Protein backbone atom coordinates (compact mmCIF):
# COMPACT_ATOMS: atom_id res chain seq x y z
CA MET A 1 0.00 0.00 0.00
CA ASP A 2 3.01 2.33 0.00
CA ASN A 3 2.46 3.92 -3.41
CA VAL A 4 -1.33 3.93 -3.63
CA PRO A 5 -2.74 7.45 -4.10
CA GLY A 6 -5.48 8.41 -1.65
CA HIS A 7 -8.20 8.58 -4.29
CA GLU A 8 -7.64 4.90 -5.09
CA LEU A 9 -7.91 3.92 -1.43
CA HIS A 10 -11.41 5.36 -1.42
CA GLY A 11 -12.45 3.54 -4.59
CA THR A 12 -12.71 6.48 -6.97
CA ARG A 13 -10.40 7.61 -9.73
CA GLN A 14 -10.30 10.82 -11.66
CA VAL A 15 -10.30 11.18 -15.40
CA GLY A 16 -6.71 10.78 -16.53
CA GLN A 17 -5.84 8.22 -13.85
CA TRP A 18 -7.66 5.07 -14.94
CA PRO A 19 -5.85 1.70 -14.94
CA THR A 20 -4.59 0.71 -18.36
CA ASP A 21 -5.77 -2.92 -18.15
CA GLU A 22 -9.43 -1.86 -17.86
CA LEU A 23 -8.99 0.59 -20.71
CA VAL A 24 -7.33 -2.00 -22.97
CA ASP A 25 -10.37 -4.24 -22.51
CA LEU A 26 -12.69 -1.29 -23.24
CA TRP A 27 -10.67 -0.33 -26.32
CA GLY A 28 -10.81 -3.81 -27.84
CA ARG A 29 -14.51 -4.24 -27.21
CA ALA A 30 -15.43 -0.69 -28.29
CA CYS A 31 -13.42 -1.01 -31.51
CA SER A 32 -15.29 -4.19 -32.31
CA GLY A 33 -18.62 -2.50 -31.58
CA VAL A 34 -17.82 0.55 -33.70
CA VAL A 35 -16.73 -1.59 -36.66
CA LYS A 36 -19.83 -3.80 -36.34
CA GLN A 37 -21.93 -0.61 -36.56
CA GLY A 38 -20.26 -0.04 -39.97
CA PHE A 39 -17.70 2.66 -39.16
CA VAL A 40 -14.00 2.53 -39.98
CA ILE A 41 -11.48 3.38 -37.26
CA GLU A 42 -8.29 5.05 -38.38
CA TYR A 43 -5.18 6.48 -36.76
CA ARG A 44 -3.82 9.57 -38.46
CA ASP A 45 -1.68 12.54 -37.52
CA LEU A 46 -4.04 15.48 -37.10
CA GLU A 47 -3.25 19.17 -36.98
CA PRO A 48 -3.36 20.47 -33.41
CA PRO A 49 -5.56 21.12 -31.58
CA ARG A 50 -7.59 18.35 -33.25
CA THR A 51 -7.54 15.06 -31.36
CA GLY A 52 -10.09 13.18 -33.45
CA ILE A 53 -12.36 13.67 -36.45
CA PHE A 54 -15.36 11.93 -37.96
CA ASP A 55 -17.06 12.16 -41.35
CA GLY A 56 -20.02 9.76 -41.15
CA LEU A 57 -17.98 6.86 -42.49
CA ARG A 58 -14.88 6.81 -40.31
CA ILE A 59 -13.60 7.90 -36.94
CA VAL A 60 -10.02 9.13 -36.96
CA ILE A 61 -7.96 9.47 -33.79
CA ASP A 62 -4.58 11.15 -33.50
CA PRO A 63 -2.10 8.54 -32.19
CA ASP A 64 -0.28 11.20 -30.16
CA VAL A 65 -3.28 11.52 -27.84
CA GLY A 66 -3.00 9.61 -24.56
CA PHE A 67 -4.62 6.17 -24.49
CA GLU A 68 -7.31 7.08 -21.98
CA MET A 69 -8.34 10.02 -24.15
CA GLN A 70 -8.33 7.75 -27.21
CA CYS A 71 -10.83 5.45 -25.46
CA PHE A 72 -13.09 8.38 -24.67
CA LEU A 73 -12.76 9.85 -28.17
CA LEU A 74 -13.70 6.54 -29.77
CA LEU A 75 -16.92 6.34 -27.74
CA HIS A 76 -17.75 10.02 -28.01
CA LEU A 77 -17.04 10.36 -31.73
CA PHE A 78 -19.05 7.19 -32.30
CA GLY A 79 -21.94 8.98 -30.59
CA HIS A 80 -21.53 12.03 -32.80
CA SER A 81 -21.23 9.83 -35.89
CA VAL A 82 -24.58 8.26 -35.00
CA GLN A 83 -26.13 11.72 -34.76
CA TRP A 84 -25.00 12.67 -38.25
CA VAL A 85 -26.05 9.47 -40.06
CA ALA A 86 -29.28 8.50 -38.31
CA PRO A 87 -32.19 9.71 -40.44
CA SER A 88 -34.40 9.98 -37.35
CA LEU A 89 -32.00 12.55 -35.82
CA GLU A 90 -31.40 14.72 -38.88
CA HIS A 91 -33.89 17.39 -37.76
CA GLU A 92 -31.91 17.93 -34.52
CA LEU A 93 -28.83 19.19 -36.38
CA ALA A 94 -30.43 22.34 -37.83
CA ASP A 95 -30.24 24.40 -34.63
CA LEU A 96 -26.69 23.24 -34.04
CA GLN A 97 -25.61 24.54 -37.44
CA HIS A 98 -27.76 27.66 -37.81
CA THR A 99 -28.40 29.20 -34.39
CA GLU A 100 -27.12 32.77 -34.11
CA ASP A 101 -28.15 33.39 -30.49
CA ARG A 102 -25.14 32.30 -28.40
CA GLN A 103 -27.14 31.32 -25.31
CA HIS A 104 -29.52 29.17 -27.36
CA PHE A 105 -26.56 27.69 -29.25
CA MET A 106 -24.92 26.65 -25.97
CA GLN A 107 -28.15 24.92 -24.87
CA VAL A 108 -28.38 23.11 -28.20
CA LEU A 109 -24.69 22.20 -28.05
CA HIS A 110 -25.05 20.80 -24.54
CA ALA A 111 -28.02 18.65 -25.60
CA TYR A 112 -26.04 17.49 -28.66
CA GLU A 113 -23.07 16.51 -26.49
CA LEU A 114 -25.24 14.64 -23.98
CA GLU A 115 -27.06 12.77 -26.71
CA ALA A 116 -23.75 11.66 -28.26
CA ALA A 117 -22.62 10.57 -24.79
CA GLY A 118 -25.75 8.43 -24.45
CA PHE A 119 -24.95 6.60 -27.68
CA GLY A 120 -21.38 6.03 -26.47
CA MET A 121 -22.67 4.61 -23.18
CA GLN A 122 -25.09 2.36 -25.08
CA LEU A 123 -22.22 1.04 -27.20
CA MET A 124 -20.18 0.31 -24.06
CA HIS A 125 -23.05 -1.67 -22.60
CA GLN A 126 -23.73 -3.50 -25.87
CA VAL A 127 -20.13 -4.73 -25.99
CA GLY A 128 -20.31 -5.89 -22.37
CA VAL A 129 -18.48 -3.07 -20.59
CA THR A 130 -20.61 -2.14 -17.60
CA THR A 131 -18.01 -1.27 -14.97
CA LEU A 132 -16.81 2.01 -16.47
CA ASP A 133 -20.04 4.02 -16.37
CA GLN A 134 -18.70 6.48 -13.79
CA TRP A 135 -15.42 6.90 -15.64
CA TYR A 136 -17.24 7.63 -18.89
CA SER A 137 -19.76 9.95 -17.24
CA ASP A 138 -16.98 11.91 -15.55
CA PHE A 139 -15.13 12.12 -18.86
CA VAL A 140 -18.30 13.40 -20.56
CA ALA A 141 -18.73 16.08 -17.87
CA THR A 142 -15.05 17.02 -18.09
CA ASP A 143 -15.29 17.27 -21.86
CA TRP A 144 -18.38 19.48 -21.59
CA ARG A 145 -16.64 21.79 -19.12
CA TYR A 146 -13.72 22.03 -21.55
CA VAL A 147 -15.99 22.80 -24.53
CA GLU A 148 -18.07 25.27 -22.53
CA ARG A 149 -14.97 27.17 -21.36
CA TYR A 150 -13.71 27.27 -24.93
CA TYR A 151 -16.92 28.89 -26.13
CA GLN A 152 -16.91 31.31 -23.19
CA THR A 153 -13.32 32.48 -23.73
CA ASP A 154 -12.53 31.60 -27.39
CA GLN A 155 -9.39 29.90 -26.06
CA LEU A 156 -8.69 26.25 -25.37
CA PRO A 157 -8.54 25.80 -21.59
CA ASP A 158 -6.08 23.62 -19.73
CA TRP A 159 -7.63 20.13 -19.78
CA LYS A 160 -6.60 19.34 -16.20
CA SER A 161 -8.45 22.42 -14.92
CA CYS A 162 -11.68 20.96 -16.36
CA VAL A 163 -11.50 17.50 -14.75
CA VAL A 164 -14.51 16.65 -12.61
CA CYS A 165 -15.52 13.45 -10.84
CA GLY A 166 -18.55 11.90 -9.23
CA CYS A 167 -20.89 13.26 -11.90
CA PRO A 168 -24.39 11.89 -12.55
CA LEU A 169 -24.25 8.84 -14.80
CA VAL A 170 -24.92 9.28 -18.49
CA THR A 171 -28.11 7.51 -19.54
CA PRO A 172 -27.59 4.99 -22.35
CA ALA A 173 -29.56 5.93 -25.48
CA PRO A 174 -30.74 3.26 -27.94
CA ILE A 175 -28.82 3.50 -31.20
CA PRO A 176 -31.25 4.33 -34.01
CA GLU A 177 -31.14 2.99 -37.54
CA LEU A 178 -28.04 4.27 -39.31
CA ARG A 179 -27.52 5.11 -42.97
CA ARG A 180 -23.82 5.77 -43.18
CA HIS A 181 -22.87 8.46 -45.63
CA GLU A 182 -20.13 11.03 -45.79
CA VAL A 183 -20.77 14.29 -43.95
CA GLN A 184 -18.70 17.41 -43.50
CA VAL A 185 -15.69 16.56 -41.34
CA ARG A 186 -16.29 17.37 -37.67
CA PHE A 187 -13.59 17.33 -35.04
CA ALA A 188 -12.78 17.08 -31.37
CA PHE A 189 -10.13 19.27 -29.78
């Protein structure tokens, strides 16, 4: 017990401190689930500050991003990919793309992010990963704080200053019918 950080003694871990063995299992299962949903996974060097992109057909992750972030990006960009290729969700994208009012845009963006998170959580559960719900939910909340601060300041914040833990769990959302087709490239940063 000499080198065990206090947060691990109490049974919780913060985003950025998750054990690699659990993440390796998640990665393998999530990759399988994403591919079985018809998306291609690709590693490619991306221009900073991009960490991942998606285009409706593929999810691309920058290999220079830490492994824990890669696991989150795979799930989260899968969720966004679903949003852009599910015919039943097409109507939800209009406000995201055409809202001029900043306050309304932030509300729409938050709903968009949470919906994508729900699809990512559903994928995790479908591939048999049910022990990382808190990790994923905390990552979703951390990511939202990061995005929100970016839109408030027009500058990318320090990731570590956005880390939160113990957040409410993301609710899994059933994955609707998908009709994969190329869309304008979207990215995570």
